[in-house]
N, C-alpha and C. Protein backbone atom coordinates (compact mmCIF):
# COMPACT_ATOMS: atom_id res chain seq x y z
N MET A 1 13.54 -13.90 -16.69
CA MET A 1 13.55 -13.24 -15.59
C MET A 1 14.52 -13.70 -14.23
N SER A 2 15.35 -12.69 -13.78
CA SER A 2 15.66 -13.09 -12.69
C SER A 2 15.63 -12.33 -11.49
N ILE A 3 16.30 -12.73 -10.32
CA ILE A 3 16.57 -12.08 -9.41
C ILE A 3 18.18 -11.87 -8.25
N THR A 4 18.67 -11.29 -8.91
CA THR A 4 19.54 -12.46 -7.88
C THR A 4 19.94 -11.09 -6.01
N LYS A 5 20.05 -11.40 -5.63
CA LYS A 5 20.32 -10.70 -3.85
C LYS A 5 21.38 -11.03 -3.47
N LYS A 6 22.23 -10.39 -3.46
CA LYS A 6 23.51 -9.68 -2.29
C LYS A 6 23.54 -8.85 -1.55
N PHE A 7 23.01 -9.60 -0.24
CA PHE A 7 23.11 -8.71 1.10
C PHE A 7 24.36 -8.82 2.03
N LEU A 8 24.55 -6.74 2.31
CA LEU A 8 26.41 -6.66 2.50
C LEU A 8 25.81 -6.74 3.78
N LYS A 9 27.78 -7.14 4.08
CA LYS A 9 28.08 -7.51 5.64
C LYS A 9 27.98 -5.90 6.23
N SER A 10 28.39 -5.23 6.18
CA SER A 10 28.57 -3.76 6.32
C SER A 10 27.83 -3.01 7.08
N LYS A 11 26.18 -3.68 6.51
CA LYS A 11 25.62 -2.34 7.36
C LYS A 11 24.04 -3.30 5.91
N PRO A 12 22.50 -2.73 7.17
CA PRO A 12 21.14 -3.80 6.54
C PRO A 12 20.78 -3.62 5.21
N GLN A 13 21.54 -3.86 4.12
CA GLN A 13 20.76 -3.29 2.85
C GLN A 13 21.26 -5.11 1.61
N CYS A 14 20.79 -5.12 0.85
CA CYS A 14 21.30 -5.96 0.15
C CYS A 14 21.24 -5.46 -1.48
N LYS A 15 22.44 -5.96 -1.89
CA LYS A 15 22.25 -5.64 -3.50
C LYS A 15 21.03 -6.51 -4.98
N VAL A 16 20.07 -5.91 -4.87
CA VAL A 16 19.22 -6.66 -5.44
C VAL A 16 19.25 -6.77 -7.38
N THR A 17 19.54 -7.42 -7.63
CA THR A 17 19.06 -6.89 -9.43
C THR A 17 18.62 -7.86 -10.58
N PHE A 18 16.80 -7.26 -10.73
CA PHE A 18 16.50 -7.45 -11.43
C PHE A 18 16.55 -7.53 -12.68
N LYS A 19 16.35 -8.77 -13.90
CA LYS A 19 16.75 -8.99 -15.04
C LYS A 19 15.21 -9.25 -15.29
N VAL A 20 15.15 -9.04 -16.75
CA VAL A 20 13.44 -9.20 -17.21
C VAL A 20 14.28 -9.77 -18.83
N THR A 21 13.99 -10.97 -19.68
CA THR A 21 14.83 -11.71 -20.27
C THR A 21 14.32 -10.95 -21.79
N LYS A 22 14.53 -11.01 -23.04
CA LYS A 22 14.51 -10.79 -24.07
C LYS A 22 12.64 -10.59 -24.31
N GLU A 23 12.72 -12.48 -24.25
CA GLU A 23 10.89 -12.91 -24.03
C GLU A 23 10.21 -12.38 -23.33
N MET A 24 10.54 -12.14 -22.07
CA MET A 24 9.10 -11.19 -21.37
C MET A 24 9.72 -9.78 -21.36
N ALA A 25 10.31 -9.26 -22.32
CA ALA A 25 9.74 -8.25 -22.35
C ALA A 25 9.16 -7.82 -23.41
N ALA A 26 8.69 -8.65 -24.58
CA ALA A 26 8.22 -8.94 -25.60
C ALA A 26 8.42 -8.13 -26.64
N GLY A 27 9.03 -7.54 -27.17
CA GLY A 27 9.90 -6.88 -27.78
C GLY A 27 9.86 -4.87 -27.54
N ALA A 28 9.61 -5.11 -25.66
CA ALA A 28 9.17 -3.93 -25.04
C ALA A 28 10.70 -3.05 -25.80
N SER A 29 10.30 -0.99 -25.94
CA SER A 29 11.27 -0.57 -25.62
C SER A 29 11.98 -0.16 -24.08
N ALA A 30 11.12 0.26 -23.64
CA ALA A 30 12.06 0.68 -21.81
C ALA A 30 10.84 -0.85 -20.92
N VAL A 31 11.21 -1.65 -20.08
CA VAL A 31 11.15 -1.20 -19.08
C VAL A 31 11.13 -0.66 -17.58
N GLN A 32 10.23 -1.22 -16.61
CA GLN A 32 9.90 -0.07 -15.02
C GLN A 32 10.39 -1.59 -13.92
N VAL A 33 11.11 -1.11 -13.31
CA VAL A 33 10.47 -2.52 -11.92
C VAL A 33 10.21 -1.10 -11.06
N LEU A 34 9.05 -1.60 -10.58
CA LEU A 34 7.95 -0.17 -10.23
C LEU A 34 7.50 -1.86 -8.34
N GLY A 35 7.49 -0.49 -7.65
CA GLY A 35 7.59 -1.34 -6.38
C GLY A 35 6.83 -0.49 -4.94
N ASP A 36 6.92 -1.09 -3.77
CA ASP A 36 7.21 -0.62 -2.26
C ASP A 36 8.19 0.11 -2.53
N PHE A 37 9.36 -0.11 -2.81
CA PHE A 37 11.02 0.23 -3.13
C PHE A 37 10.57 2.20 -3.36
N ASN A 38 10.66 2.43 -4.11
CA ASN A 38 10.27 3.81 -5.06
C ASN A 38 8.10 4.03 -5.62
N ASP A 39 7.59 3.53 -4.58
CA ASP A 39 6.48 4.14 -3.96
C ASP A 39 5.43 3.92 -5.64
N TRP A 40 5.64 3.23 -6.96
CA TRP A 40 4.77 2.54 -7.22
C TRP A 40 5.39 4.19 -8.55
N ASP A 41 6.40 4.52 -8.41
CA ASP A 41 6.58 6.05 -9.56
C ASP A 41 6.68 5.62 -11.14
N ARG A 42 5.93 6.10 -11.39
CA ARG A 42 6.14 5.73 -12.91
C ARG A 42 7.14 6.64 -13.43
N SER A 43 7.56 8.11 -12.82
CA SER A 43 9.16 8.39 -13.11
C SER A 43 10.07 7.92 -13.20
N VAL A 44 9.91 6.74 -12.86
CA VAL A 44 11.77 6.32 -12.52
C VAL A 44 12.39 5.65 -13.63
N GLU A 45 13.49 6.08 -13.65
CA GLU A 45 14.33 5.52 -14.10
C GLU A 45 14.09 4.46 -15.56
N PRO A 46 14.06 4.10 -16.60
CA PRO A 46 13.71 2.70 -17.08
C PRO A 46 14.78 1.53 -16.17
N MET A 47 14.57 0.70 -16.33
CA MET A 47 16.26 -0.57 -16.45
C MET A 47 16.83 -0.44 -17.87
N LYS A 48 18.04 -0.68 -17.47
CA LYS A 48 19.42 -0.79 -18.47
C LYS A 48 18.98 -2.03 -19.45
N ALA A 49 18.75 -1.64 -20.79
CA ALA A 49 18.53 -2.05 -21.86
C ALA A 49 19.73 -2.74 -21.83
N LEU A 50 19.77 -4.04 -22.15
CA LEU A 50 20.92 -4.92 -23.05
C LEU A 50 20.94 -5.03 -24.80
N LYS A 51 22.50 -5.29 -24.50
CA LYS A 51 22.39 -5.71 -26.63
C LYS A 51 21.92 -7.29 -26.59
N ASN A 52 21.89 -8.10 -25.97
CA ASN A 52 20.90 -8.87 -26.46
C ASN A 52 19.48 -9.30 -25.89
N GLY A 53 18.71 -7.67 -25.69
CA GLY A 53 16.79 -7.51 -25.58
C GLY A 53 16.45 -7.96 -24.55
N SER A 54 17.45 -7.90 -22.83
CA SER A 54 16.86 -8.04 -21.87
C SER A 54 16.69 -7.30 -21.47
N PHE A 55 16.58 -6.58 -19.83
CA PHE A 55 16.42 -4.96 -19.10
C PHE A 55 17.55 -6.02 -17.55
N SER A 56 17.89 -4.67 -17.02
CA SER A 56 18.81 -5.14 -16.12
C SER A 56 18.84 -3.60 -14.69
N ALA A 57 18.34 -4.14 -13.63
CA ALA A 57 18.55 -2.47 -13.17
C ALA A 57 19.05 -3.78 -11.76
N THR A 58 19.53 -2.39 -10.88
CA THR A 58 19.96 -2.99 -9.26
C THR A 58 19.55 -1.81 -8.14
N LEU A 59 19.30 -2.44 -7.12
CA LEU A 59 19.00 -1.52 -6.72
C LEU A 59 19.03 -1.30 -5.46
N ASP A 60 19.49 -1.50 -4.25
CA ASP A 60 20.25 -1.46 -3.02
C ASP A 60 18.95 -1.09 -1.76
N LEU A 61 18.48 -2.33 -1.46
CA LEU A 61 17.21 -2.18 -0.47
C LEU A 61 17.67 -2.65 0.46
N GLU A 62 16.27 -2.26 1.67
CA GLU A 62 16.92 -2.23 3.17
C GLU A 62 16.09 -3.62 3.79
N THR A 63 17.53 -4.33 4.36
CA THR A 63 17.13 -5.29 5.00
C THR A 63 15.76 -5.43 5.97
N GLY A 64 14.83 -6.81 6.04
CA GLY A 64 14.48 -7.14 7.47
C GLY A 64 12.76 -6.98 6.80
N ARG A 65 12.29 -6.68 5.93
CA ARG A 65 11.01 -6.85 5.29
C ARG A 65 11.00 -6.93 3.77
N ALA A 66 9.34 -6.70 3.02
CA ALA A 66 9.44 -7.50 2.18
C ALA A 66 8.83 -6.47 1.11
N TYR A 67 8.72 -6.63 -0.34
CA TYR A 67 8.48 -5.56 -1.12
C TYR A 67 7.64 -6.31 -1.97
N GLN A 68 6.84 -5.42 -2.56
CA GLN A 68 5.61 -5.76 -3.49
C GLN A 68 6.06 -4.74 -4.79
N PHE A 69 6.30 -6.00 -5.92
CA PHE A 69 6.63 -4.83 -6.89
C PHE A 69 6.35 -5.09 -8.64
N ARG A 70 6.28 -4.89 -9.23
CA ARG A 70 6.04 -5.30 -10.76
C ARG A 70 6.53 -5.19 -12.08
N TYR A 71 7.12 -5.25 -13.21
CA TYR A 71 6.86 -4.92 -14.12
C TYR A 71 6.58 -3.91 -15.35
N LEU A 72 6.72 -2.71 -14.99
CA LEU A 72 6.06 -2.56 -16.33
C LEU A 72 6.83 -2.37 -17.60
N LEU A 73 5.89 -2.41 -18.87
CA LEU A 73 6.47 -2.89 -20.14
C LEU A 73 5.86 -1.60 -21.15
N ASP A 74 7.22 -1.31 -21.96
CA ASP A 74 6.53 0.44 -22.02
C ASP A 74 5.80 0.79 -21.52
N GLY A 75 5.35 1.85 -20.83
CA GLY A 75 4.40 2.32 -19.33
C GLY A 75 3.62 2.13 -19.44
N GLU A 76 2.39 1.04 -20.42
CA GLU A 76 1.59 0.26 -21.41
C GLU A 76 1.20 -1.56 -19.78
N ALA A 77 1.83 -2.75 -20.13
CA ALA A 77 1.47 -3.62 -20.02
C ALA A 77 2.29 -4.03 -18.87
N TRP A 78 1.97 -4.81 -17.61
CA TRP A 78 2.40 -5.24 -15.94
C TRP A 78 2.42 -6.64 -16.26
N ALA A 79 3.55 -6.44 -15.56
CA ALA A 79 4.50 -8.34 -16.18
C ALA A 79 4.31 -8.85 -14.15
N ASN A 80 4.82 -9.89 -13.83
CA ASN A 80 5.10 -10.55 -12.58
C ASN A 80 5.81 -11.03 -12.76
N GLU A 81 7.08 -11.00 -12.17
CA GLU A 81 8.18 -11.99 -11.65
C GLU A 81 8.28 -13.16 -11.39
N PRO A 82 8.59 -14.41 -11.90
CA PRO A 82 7.94 -15.77 -12.22
C PRO A 82 9.32 -16.61 -10.91
N GLU A 83 10.18 -15.99 -10.72
CA GLU A 83 11.36 -15.99 -9.39
C GLU A 83 10.95 -14.98 -8.34
N ALA A 84 9.79 -14.48 -8.23
CA ALA A 84 9.37 -14.21 -6.38
C ALA A 84 9.29 -14.83 -5.81
N ASP A 85 9.90 -14.63 -4.37
CA ASP A 85 9.16 -14.87 -3.06
C ASP A 85 7.93 -15.11 -3.01
N ASN A 86 7.20 -14.64 -4.03
CA ASN A 86 6.03 -14.88 -3.18
C ASN A 86 5.02 -14.44 -4.23
N GLN A 87 3.76 -14.37 -4.39
CA GLN A 87 2.54 -13.87 -5.31
C GLN A 87 1.52 -13.09 -4.73
N VAL A 88 1.02 -11.89 -4.42
CA VAL A 88 0.08 -11.45 -3.32
C VAL A 88 -0.57 -10.57 -4.39
N VAL A 89 -2.39 -11.02 -3.54
CA VAL A 89 -3.43 -9.71 -4.85
C VAL A 89 -2.52 -8.78 -4.38
N SER A 90 -3.58 -8.00 -5.27
CA SER A 90 -3.06 -6.49 -5.61
C SER A 90 -3.98 -5.36 -4.83
N PRO A 91 -3.51 -4.68 -3.66
CA PRO A 91 -5.20 -4.16 -3.17
C PRO A 91 -5.97 -3.78 -3.92
N TYR A 92 -6.11 -4.15 -4.93
CA TYR A 92 -6.81 -3.65 -6.34
C TYR A 92 -8.06 -4.22 -6.85
N GLY A 93 -7.05 -5.55 -6.58
CA GLY A 93 -7.90 -6.58 -6.33
C GLY A 93 -8.01 -7.10 -7.76
N ASP A 94 -7.23 -6.58 -8.94
CA ASP A 94 -7.28 -6.55 -10.11
C ASP A 94 -6.34 -7.43 -10.29
N SER A 95 -5.51 -7.75 -9.52
CA SER A 95 -4.45 -8.50 -10.13
C SER A 95 -3.15 -9.37 -8.92
N GLU A 96 -1.90 -9.52 -10.01
CA GLU A 96 -1.24 -10.03 -8.90
C GLU A 96 -0.40 -9.19 -8.30
N ASN A 97 0.80 -9.04 -7.31
CA ASN A 97 2.44 -8.24 -7.09
C ASN A 97 3.38 -9.24 -7.08
N SER A 98 4.20 -8.96 -7.30
CA SER A 98 5.80 -10.03 -7.00
C SER A 98 5.49 -9.58 -5.58
N VAL A 99 6.24 -10.53 -4.91
CA VAL A 99 7.57 -9.84 -3.27
C VAL A 99 8.85 -10.36 -3.76
N LEU A 100 9.40 -10.15 -2.80
CA LEU A 100 10.70 -9.58 -2.73
C LEU A 100 11.05 -9.33 -0.96
N SER A 101 11.69 -10.93 -0.41
CA SER A 101 11.57 -11.46 0.78
C SER A 101 12.91 -10.80 1.38
N LEU A 102 13.52 -9.24 1.85
CA LEU A 102 14.61 -9.30 2.08
C LEU A 102 14.68 -9.71 3.44
């Protein structure tokens, strides 16, 4: 997995590319990135499946804040981003969320 950040000079936004490797996807046919930036809405479009078995999505996010997020594999299993800026205990206390700081 990996995260790429490209800060825009023209406005306070950052193009963030999330990538889940084939190994991390563990055979999933669909992966979603859910978090504060999309209200954890399970109906959001899945990440794009790539030919090599990995998944990718690019989002334009407002800078100057931090976002909690996780990956949802096949609508069932949650996964964190090991390259996230931080990890915090989720509001439910049963897991951790990845944190992206912009």
